Amino acid sequence: MSVLNKNIQQSHSSSCGARGRIIIAGGGTGGHIFPAIAIANAIKQLQPHADILFVGVQGKMEMEKVPQAGYPIKGLTIAGFNRSSLIKNIGLPLKIIKSFFQVRTIINQFKPTAVIGVGGYSSFPVLRVAQSKGIPTFIHESNSFAGKANIMLAKKATKIFVATDGMEPFFSTNKIVVTGNPVRANIAHSKVTKAEALLFFGLQNNIKTVLVVGGSLGAKSINDAIANHIETFAEQGLQLIWQTGKTNAAYYKALANGKPNVWVSEFITQMEMGYAAADIVISRAGAMAVTELCVAAKPSIFVPYPFAAEDHQTANAMALVNKKAALLVKDSDVNEALINAVLELSKNELVQQVLQQNISALAIKNADEVIAKQILYPSP
């Protein structure tokens, strides 16, 4: 018997009361995984004896991150549609069918009292099967433009938790609960000072600092723009904290070698340090990046990934731009426009203050607790 199946059987033997057996489905990126873990932690805070099982996709990031957070996870063999190579989709129908059988087995063994979908390939089959069995299902839509799978699942969902207002075009008004996006506790409740953070990165206290983040795999267009103008930062009296992601990390590190004003790594393990050190942030506009920057209250320049589904990253960024809470540079203009925008912003203290004030006003720090309460203690 596998360790996971033992965990399922052991957890089934405990009694946790109403909605005390929870499946959380989803993953694929940190933007889905970290909020899911935050929700799980909040559920455990409210109901310590709750049994929680994650369902993700084999080989994806969640299969590592979820066990590290202390929760069991079951991986499905499902995959998404590959738009770049149609031939790679030959086995997709079989994988989807197999995943539904896997999900039925998991649900029959675990007997959840509620199922939460946080986005990613595994969400759809898990919530679909749960809905067919009459199990209460909940959706967390992190983006300001809802995905097609969530729109389909929402018809039978109990409640839909959304990050922002204005989601009525996608979901039934009576099911929507505006909660914001759950943020990792080390970021939401960070007490790190700027001086401590700059010391962590080996940078100076009296120099304006720019943080560049593009996700775990990196953002090539942003990274190349930084690389092409890396000398400009020192010339203009700026420091750089540069998270490159895995792709081409060695090349970017070599460029920064010997430059005392540049800290570079493929990943920042303590992101609260990065936010605390930064005066200005350059970032993609994934839902969690936007949410974390609202909480961190940092003047931000977003470069939305143009090939995201339904161009949702542009929608995420524009929700802030329209409130004068952030700036936006198009990916197609990034090579010249990004550096110009950074330099202009770094020299304009008034604009920095306005952006910081407006983005801070959008911060929600207790989304995880609000969602957990809605799941554990539903109103009639």
Protein backbone atom coordinates (compact mmCIF):
# COMPACT_ATOMS: atom_id res chain seq x y z
CA MET A 1 0.00 0.00 0.00
CA SER A 2 1.39 3.44 -0.92
CA VAL A 3 2.15 6.05 1.75
CA LEU A 4 -0.56 8.25 0.23
CA ASN A 5 -3.23 5.54 0.42
CA LYS A 6 -2.25 4.90 4.04
CA ASN A 7 -2.65 8.61 4.72
CA ILE A 8 -6.07 8.56 3.07
CA GLN A 9 -7.23 5.57 5.10
CA GLN A 10 -5.82 6.94 8.35
CA SER A 11 -7.38 10.36 7.82
CA HIS A 12 -10.73 8.74 6.99
CA SER A 13 -10.86 7.23 10.47
CA SER A 14 -10.86 10.61 12.23
CA SER A 15 -13.95 12.68 12.85
CA CYS A 16 -13.70 16.40 12.15
CA GLY A 17 -17.27 17.60 12.11
CA ALA A 18 -18.96 19.52 9.32
CA ARG A 19 -16.82 20.02 6.24
CA GLY A 20 -13.78 18.60 8.04
CA ARG A 21 -12.52 16.49 5.14
CA ILE A 22 -11.21 18.75 2.42
CA ILE A 23 -9.72 18.10 -0.99
CA ILE A 24 -7.81 21.00 -2.55
CA ALA A 25 -7.27 20.54 -6.28
CA GLY A 26 -4.97 22.49 -8.56
CA GLY A 27 -1.43 23.66 -9.10
CA GLY A 28 1.02 23.92 -11.96
CA THR A 29 2.49 27.27 -10.88
CA GLY A 30 3.32 29.03 -7.65
CA GLY A 31 0.39 31.32 -8.34
CA HIS A 32 -1.94 28.39 -7.72
CA ILE A 33 0.08 26.38 -5.22
CA PHE A 34 0.98 29.00 -2.62
CA PRO A 35 -2.59 30.32 -2.24
CA ALA A 36 -3.82 26.72 -1.94
CA ILE A 37 -1.33 26.03 0.85
CA ALA A 38 -2.35 29.30 2.54
CA ILE A 39 -6.01 28.16 2.46
CA ALA A 40 -5.05 24.76 3.88
CA ASN A 41 -3.09 26.39 6.71
CA ALA A 42 -6.04 28.67 7.51
CA ILE A 43 -8.40 25.67 7.63
CA LYS A 44 -6.04 23.90 10.04
CA GLN A 45 -5.88 27.03 12.22
CA LEU A 46 -9.66 27.09 12.49
CA GLN A 47 -10.14 23.34 12.70
CA PRO A 48 -6.89 21.60 13.75
CA HIS A 49 -8.32 18.09 13.26
CA ALA A 50 -9.45 18.72 9.68
CA ASP A 51 -8.16 16.22 7.13
CA ILE A 52 -6.77 17.85 3.97
CA LEU A 53 -5.68 16.09 0.80
CA PHE A 54 -4.24 17.87 -2.24
CA VAL A 55 -4.70 16.64 -5.79
CA GLY A 56 -2.29 17.87 -8.45
CA VAL A 57 -0.57 16.73 -11.62
CA GLN A 58 2.31 14.27 -11.73
CA GLY A 59 5.63 15.95 -12.45
CA LYS A 60 4.40 19.44 -11.66
CA MET A 61 5.62 21.88 -9.03
CA GLU A 62 2.91 20.99 -6.51
CA MET A 63 4.24 17.44 -6.13
CA GLU A 64 7.28 18.96 -4.39
CA LYS A 65 5.90 22.09 -2.71
CA VAL A 66 2.79 20.56 -1.08
CA PRO A 67 4.62 17.76 0.82
CA GLN A 68 7.18 20.36 1.92
CA ALA A 69 4.27 22.25 3.49
CA GLY A 70 3.25 19.09 5.37
CA TYR A 71 0.25 17.89 3.34
CA PRO A 72 -0.35 14.66 1.39
CA ILE A 73 -0.90 14.94 -2.35
CA LYS A 74 -2.08 12.63 -5.10
CA GLY A 75 -0.87 13.24 -8.65
CA LEU A 76 -3.03 12.78 -11.75
CA THR A 77 -1.71 11.89 -15.20
CA ILE A 78 -3.70 14.67 -16.89
CA ALA A 79 -2.07 17.25 -19.17
CA GLY A 80 -3.14 20.42 -20.92
CA PHE A 81 -3.57 21.07 -24.63
CA ASN A 82 -0.21 21.78 -26.29
CA ARG A 83 -0.69 24.67 -28.71
CA SER A 84 2.91 24.70 -29.95
CA SER A 85 3.00 21.07 -31.10
CA LEU A 86 -0.26 19.42 -32.12
CA ILE A 87 1.36 15.98 -32.39
CA LYS A 88 2.02 16.06 -28.63
CA ASN A 89 -1.74 16.07 -28.05
CA ILE A 90 -2.28 12.58 -29.51
CA GLY A 91 -2.42 10.92 -26.10
CA LEU A 92 -4.36 13.74 -24.44
CA PRO A 93 -7.90 12.21 -24.63
CA LEU A 94 -6.64 9.01 -22.98
CA LYS A 95 -4.93 10.99 -20.23
CA ILE A 96 -8.11 12.96 -19.53
CA ILE A 97 -10.22 9.78 -19.35
CA LYS A 98 -7.65 8.14 -17.08
CA SER A 99 -7.60 11.18 -14.79
CA PHE A 100 -11.36 10.93 -14.24
CA PHE A 101 -10.98 7.30 -13.13
CA GLN A 102 -8.14 8.35 -10.82
CA VAL A 103 -10.27 11.13 -9.35
CA ARG A 104 -13.21 8.78 -8.70
CA THR A 105 -10.90 6.44 -6.79
CA ILE A 106 -9.47 9.30 -4.72
CA ILE A 107 -12.90 10.71 -3.85
CA ASN A 108 -14.36 7.29 -3.04
CA GLN A 109 -11.43 6.57 -0.69
CA PHE A 110 -11.15 9.96 0.96
CA LYS A 111 -14.88 10.79 1.10
CA PRO A 112 -14.46 14.58 1.19
CA THR A 113 -17.07 16.83 2.73
CA ALA A 114 -15.93 19.70 0.50
CA VAL A 115 -13.69 20.21 -2.53
CA ILE A 116 -11.83 23.40 -3.45
CA GLY A 117 -10.47 24.16 -6.92
CA VAL A 118 -7.65 26.72 -7.12
CA GLY A 119 -6.87 26.49 -10.84
CA GLY A 120 -4.59 24.25 -12.87
CA TYR A 121 -5.21 21.07 -14.87
CA SER A 122 -6.30 18.94 -11.90
CA SER A 123 -9.06 21.30 -10.76
CA PHE A 124 -11.52 20.46 -13.53
CA PRO A 125 -11.82 16.65 -13.18
CA VAL A 126 -11.77 16.77 -9.38
CA LEU A 127 -14.54 19.36 -9.10
CA ARG A 128 -16.54 17.76 -11.92
CA VAL A 129 -16.57 14.37 -10.19
CA ALA A 130 -17.32 15.94 -6.81
CA GLN A 131 -20.25 17.85 -8.29
CA SER A 132 -21.62 14.66 -9.85
CA LYS A 133 -21.65 13.14 -6.37
CA GLY A 134 -23.37 16.11 -4.76
CA ILE A 135 -20.31 17.15 -2.75
CA PRO A 136 -20.12 20.91 -2.04
CA THR A 137 -17.52 22.50 -4.33
CA PHE A 138 -15.79 25.84 -4.06
CA ILE A 139 -13.78 27.74 -6.66
CA HIS A 140 -11.04 30.26 -6.10
CA GLU A 141 -10.60 32.46 -9.20
CA SER A 142 -7.42 34.46 -8.68
CA ASN A 143 -7.49 36.45 -11.91
CA SER A 144 -9.63 39.42 -12.91
CA PHE A 145 -10.58 37.54 -16.11
CA ALA A 146 -12.09 34.13 -15.35
CA GLY A 147 -10.80 31.00 -17.06
CA LYS A 148 -13.12 28.87 -19.19
CA ALA A 149 -12.86 25.83 -16.91
CA ASN A 150 -13.93 27.84 -13.87
CA ILE A 151 -16.83 29.37 -15.78
CA MET A 152 -18.06 25.85 -16.62
CA LEU A 153 -17.56 24.56 -13.07
CA ALA A 154 -19.19 27.61 -11.50
CA LYS A 155 -22.67 26.56 -12.62
CA LYS A 156 -22.78 23.82 -9.97
CA ALA A 157 -20.36 25.33 -7.47
CA THR A 158 -21.48 26.25 -3.97
CA LYS A 159 -19.51 29.49 -3.86
CA ILE A 160 -16.91 31.26 -5.99
CA PHE A 161 -14.18 33.20 -4.24
CA VAL A 162 -12.79 36.01 -6.39
CA ALA A 163 -9.88 38.41 -6.08
CA THR A 164 -11.63 41.58 -7.24
CA ASP A 165 -15.04 43.04 -7.80
CA GLY A 166 -16.55 43.17 -11.29
CA MET A 167 -16.69 39.39 -11.82
CA GLU A 168 -20.43 39.31 -12.52
CA PRO A 169 -19.94 38.79 -16.28
CA PHE A 170 -18.41 35.38 -15.47
CA PHE A 171 -20.29 34.08 -12.43
CA SER A 172 -23.73 34.20 -10.80
CA THR A 173 -23.90 37.18 -8.47
CA ASN A 174 -25.41 35.14 -5.62
CA LYS A 175 -22.42 32.79 -5.59
CA ILE A 176 -19.63 35.38 -5.69
CA VAL A 177 -17.66 36.18 -2.54
CA VAL A 178 -14.97 38.86 -2.96
CA THR A 179 -12.13 37.62 -0.76
CA GLY A 180 -8.95 38.69 -2.49
CA ASN A 181 -6.12 36.23 -3.07
CA PRO A 182 -4.51 34.35 -0.18
CA VAL A 183 -0.93 35.48 0.43
CA ARG A 184 1.87 33.48 2.04
CA ALA A 185 2.05 34.30 5.75
CA ASN A 186 5.75 35.22 5.61
CA ILE A 187 4.84 37.98 3.15
CA ALA A 188 1.46 39.06 4.55
CA HIS A 189 2.83 39.42 8.07
CA SER A 190 6.47 40.27 7.35
CA LYS A 191 8.35 42.31 9.96
CA VAL A 192 11.57 42.48 7.94
CA THR A 193 13.09 45.97 7.80
CA LYS A 194 14.62 47.44 4.67
CA ALA A 195 18.04 47.54 6.34
CA GLU A 196 17.83 43.84 7.25
CA ALA A 197 16.74 42.93 3.73
CA LEU A 198 19.53 44.91 2.03
CA LEU A 199 22.07 43.26 4.35
CA PHE A 200 20.60 39.86 3.34
CA PHE A 201 21.37 40.66 -0.33
CA GLY A 202 24.72 42.30 0.41
CA LEU A 203 23.57 45.67 -0.95
CA GLN A 204 23.92 49.23 0.35
CA ASN A 205 21.44 51.12 2.46
CA ASN A 206 21.55 54.49 0.75
CA ILE A 207 20.98 53.45 -2.88
CA LYS A 208 17.57 53.06 -4.53
CA THR A 209 16.90 49.39 -5.20
CA VAL A 210 14.99 47.75 -8.07
CA LEU A 211 13.60 44.22 -7.70
CA VAL A 212 13.04 42.21 -10.89
CA VAL A 213 10.91 39.05 -10.72
CA GLY A 214 9.56 37.01 -13.61
CA GLY A 215 8.38 33.73 -12.12
CA SER A 216 10.04 30.38 -11.38
CA LEU A 217 11.01 29.78 -15.02
CA GLY A 218 11.88 33.41 -15.63
CA ALA A 219 10.55 35.96 -18.10
CA LYS A 220 12.86 36.04 -21.12
CA SER A 221 11.78 39.42 -22.45
CA ILE A 222 12.23 41.10 -19.07
CA ASN A 223 15.52 39.34 -18.38
CA ASP A 224 16.93 40.26 -21.79
CA ALA A 225 15.92 43.90 -21.33
CA ILE A 226 17.73 43.97 -17.99
CA ALA A 227 20.75 42.19 -19.47
CA ASN A 228 20.96 44.62 -22.40
CA HIS A 229 21.01 47.61 -20.05
CA ILE A 230 22.72 46.19 -16.98
CA GLU A 231 25.43 48.86 -17.01
CA THR A 232 22.76 51.56 -16.89
CA PHE A 233 21.76 50.68 -13.33
CA ALA A 234 25.19 51.54 -11.90
CA GLU A 235 25.47 54.60 -14.15
CA GLN A 236 22.16 55.89 -12.80
CA GLY A 237 22.95 55.08 -9.17
CA LEU A 238 20.59 52.11 -8.84
CA GLN A 239 20.95 48.69 -7.21
CA LEU A 240 19.38 45.56 -8.67
CA ILE A 241 17.93 42.42 -7.09
CA TRP A 242 17.38 40.15 -10.06
CA GLN A 243 15.46 36.87 -9.89
CA THR A 244 16.12 35.36 -13.30
CA GLY A 245 14.25 32.06 -13.07
CA LYS A 246 15.87 28.83 -14.26
CA THR A 247 16.03 29.56 -18.00
CA ASN A 248 19.44 30.97 -19.02
CA ALA A 249 20.27 31.68 -15.37
CA ALA A 250 23.97 30.97 -15.85
CA TYR A 251 24.20 33.55 -18.66
CA TYR A 252 22.55 36.28 -16.59
CA LYS A 253 24.71 35.45 -13.56
CA ALA A 254 27.83 35.78 -15.71
CA LEU A 255 26.71 39.22 -16.87
CA ALA A 256 26.31 40.37 -13.29
CA ASN A 257 29.64 38.94 -12.13
CA GLY A 258 31.83 41.59 -10.57
CA LYS A 259 29.05 44.17 -10.30
CA PRO A 260 28.62 45.06 -6.60
CA ASN A 261 25.32 46.82 -7.27
CA VAL A 262 23.68 43.64 -8.66
CA TRP A 263 22.45 40.59 -6.73
CA VAL A 264 21.34 37.83 -9.08
CA SER A 265 19.90 34.35 -8.56
CA GLU A 266 17.48 32.07 -10.35
CA PHE A 267 15.15 32.09 -7.35
CA ILE A 268 14.59 34.11 -4.18
CA THR A 269 13.68 31.61 -1.48
CA GLN A 270 12.74 34.31 1.05
CA MET A 271 10.55 36.59 -1.02
CA GLU A 272 9.71 38.78 1.97
CA MET A 273 13.34 39.91 1.86
CA GLY A 274 13.05 40.90 -1.80
CA TYR A 275 9.94 42.99 -1.20
CA ALA A 276 11.37 44.63 1.92
CA ALA A 277 14.56 45.66 0.11
CA ALA A 278 12.86 47.06 -2.99
CA ASP A 279 11.96 50.66 -3.75
CA ILE A 280 10.59 49.70 -7.20
CA VAL A 281 9.47 46.31 -8.53
CA ILE A 282 9.39 45.02 -12.10
CA SER A 283 7.15 41.97 -12.47
CA ARG A 284 4.92 39.89 -14.66
CA ALA A 285 1.23 40.36 -13.83
CA GLY A 286 0.15 36.94 -12.66
CA ALA A 287 -2.61 37.09 -10.07
CA MET A 288 -0.40 36.26 -7.11
CA ALA A 289 2.39 38.62 -8.16
CA VAL A 290 -0.15 41.44 -8.29
CA THR A 291 -1.66 40.43 -4.94
CA GLU A 292 1.70 40.18 -3.19
CA LEU A 293 2.76 43.59 -4.48
CA CYS A 294 -0.46 45.12 -3.14
CA VAL A 295 0.34 43.64 0.27
CA ALA A 296 4.01 44.69 0.05
CA ALA A 297 2.87 48.18 -1.07
CA LYS A 298 5.58 48.67 -3.66
CA PRO A 299 5.62 51.04 -6.66
CA SER A 300 5.40 48.52 -9.49
CA ILE A 301 5.91 48.27 -13.23
CA PHE A 302 4.05 45.32 -14.72
CA VAL A 303 5.04 43.62 -17.96
CA PRO A 304 2.12 41.24 -18.63
CA TYR A 305 2.91 37.94 -20.32
CA PRO A 306 1.10 38.40 -23.66
CA PHE A 307 0.36 34.71 -24.27
CA ALA A 308 -1.45 34.01 -20.99
CA ALA A 309 -4.92 32.48 -21.43
CA GLU A 310 -7.47 35.14 -22.42
CA ASP A 311 -4.63 37.66 -21.92
CA HIS A 312 -5.57 37.64 -18.24
CA GLN A 313 -2.25 39.14 -17.12
CA THR A 314 -3.03 42.35 -19.00
CA ALA A 315 -6.45 42.42 -17.35
CA ASN A 316 -4.81 41.90 -13.93
CA ALA A 317 -2.39 44.77 -14.51
CA MET A 318 -4.96 47.13 -15.97
CA ALA A 319 -7.16 46.69 -12.88
CA LEU A 320 -4.37 48.49 -10.99
CA VAL A 321 -3.29 50.88 -13.76
CA ASN A 322 -6.85 52.20 -14.00
CA LYS A 323 -6.71 53.02 -10.28
CA LYS A 324 -3.33 54.76 -10.63
CA ALA A 325 -1.83 52.00 -8.52
CA ALA A 326 0.79 50.68 -10.99
CA LEU A 327 2.47 51.27 -14.33
CA LEU A 328 2.40 48.98 -17.37
CA VAL A 329 4.91 48.30 -20.12
CA LYS A 330 3.86 46.09 -23.02
CA ASP A 331 5.96 42.99 -23.57
CA SER A 332 6.49 44.02 -27.20
CA ASP A 333 8.02 47.34 -26.06
CA VAL A 334 10.01 45.98 -23.16
CA ASN A 335 13.58 46.31 -24.44
CA GLU A 336 13.65 50.11 -24.48
CA ALA A 337 10.48 51.17 -22.69
CA LEU A 338 11.12 49.18 -19.51
CA ILE A 339 14.47 50.76 -18.69
CA ASN A 340 13.15 54.22 -19.52
CA ALA A 341 10.15 53.65 -17.24
CA VAL A 342 12.37 52.45 -14.38
CA LEU A 343 14.73 55.41 -14.66
CA GLU A 344 11.88 57.91 -14.86
CA LEU A 345 10.09 56.40 -11.88
CA SER A 346 13.27 56.18 -9.79
CA LYS A 347 13.76 59.94 -10.15
CA ASN A 348 10.15 60.90 -9.36
CA GLU A 349 9.48 60.57 -5.63
CA LEU A 350 5.97 62.00 -5.95
CA VAL A 351 4.84 59.34 -8.44
CA GLN A 352 6.42 56.65 -6.26
CA GLN A 353 4.41 57.90 -3.28
CA VAL A 354 1.14 57.98 -5.26
CA LEU A 355 1.67 54.45 -6.61
CA GLN A 356 2.60 53.14 -3.18
CA GLN A 357 -0.41 54.72 -1.53
CA ASN A 358 -2.86 53.49 -4.17
CA ILE A 359 -1.53 49.94 -4.43
CA SER A 360 -1.49 49.62 -0.63
CA ALA A 361 -5.19 50.54 -0.53
CA LEU A 362 -5.95 47.42 -2.60
CA ALA A 363 -4.21 45.01 -0.21
CA ILE A 364 -6.15 42.19 1.46
CA LYS A 365 -4.18 40.20 4.04
CA ASN A 366 -6.80 37.81 5.46
CA ALA A 367 -8.20 36.19 2.30
CA ASP A 368 -7.08 32.74 3.44
CA GLU A 369 -9.02 33.04 6.71
CA VAL A 370 -12.15 34.40 4.99
CA ILE A 371 -12.14 31.51 2.49
CA ALA A 372 -11.51 28.91 5.22
CA LYS A 373 -14.46 30.19 7.27
CA GLN A 374 -16.76 30.12 4.24
CA ILE A 375 -15.84 26.48 3.60
CA LEU A 376 -15.91 25.23 7.18
CA TYR A 377 -18.88 27.21 8.45
CA PRO A 378 -21.17 27.85 5.47
CA SER A 379 -24.19 30.06 5.94
CA PRO A 380 -27.55 28.37 5.21
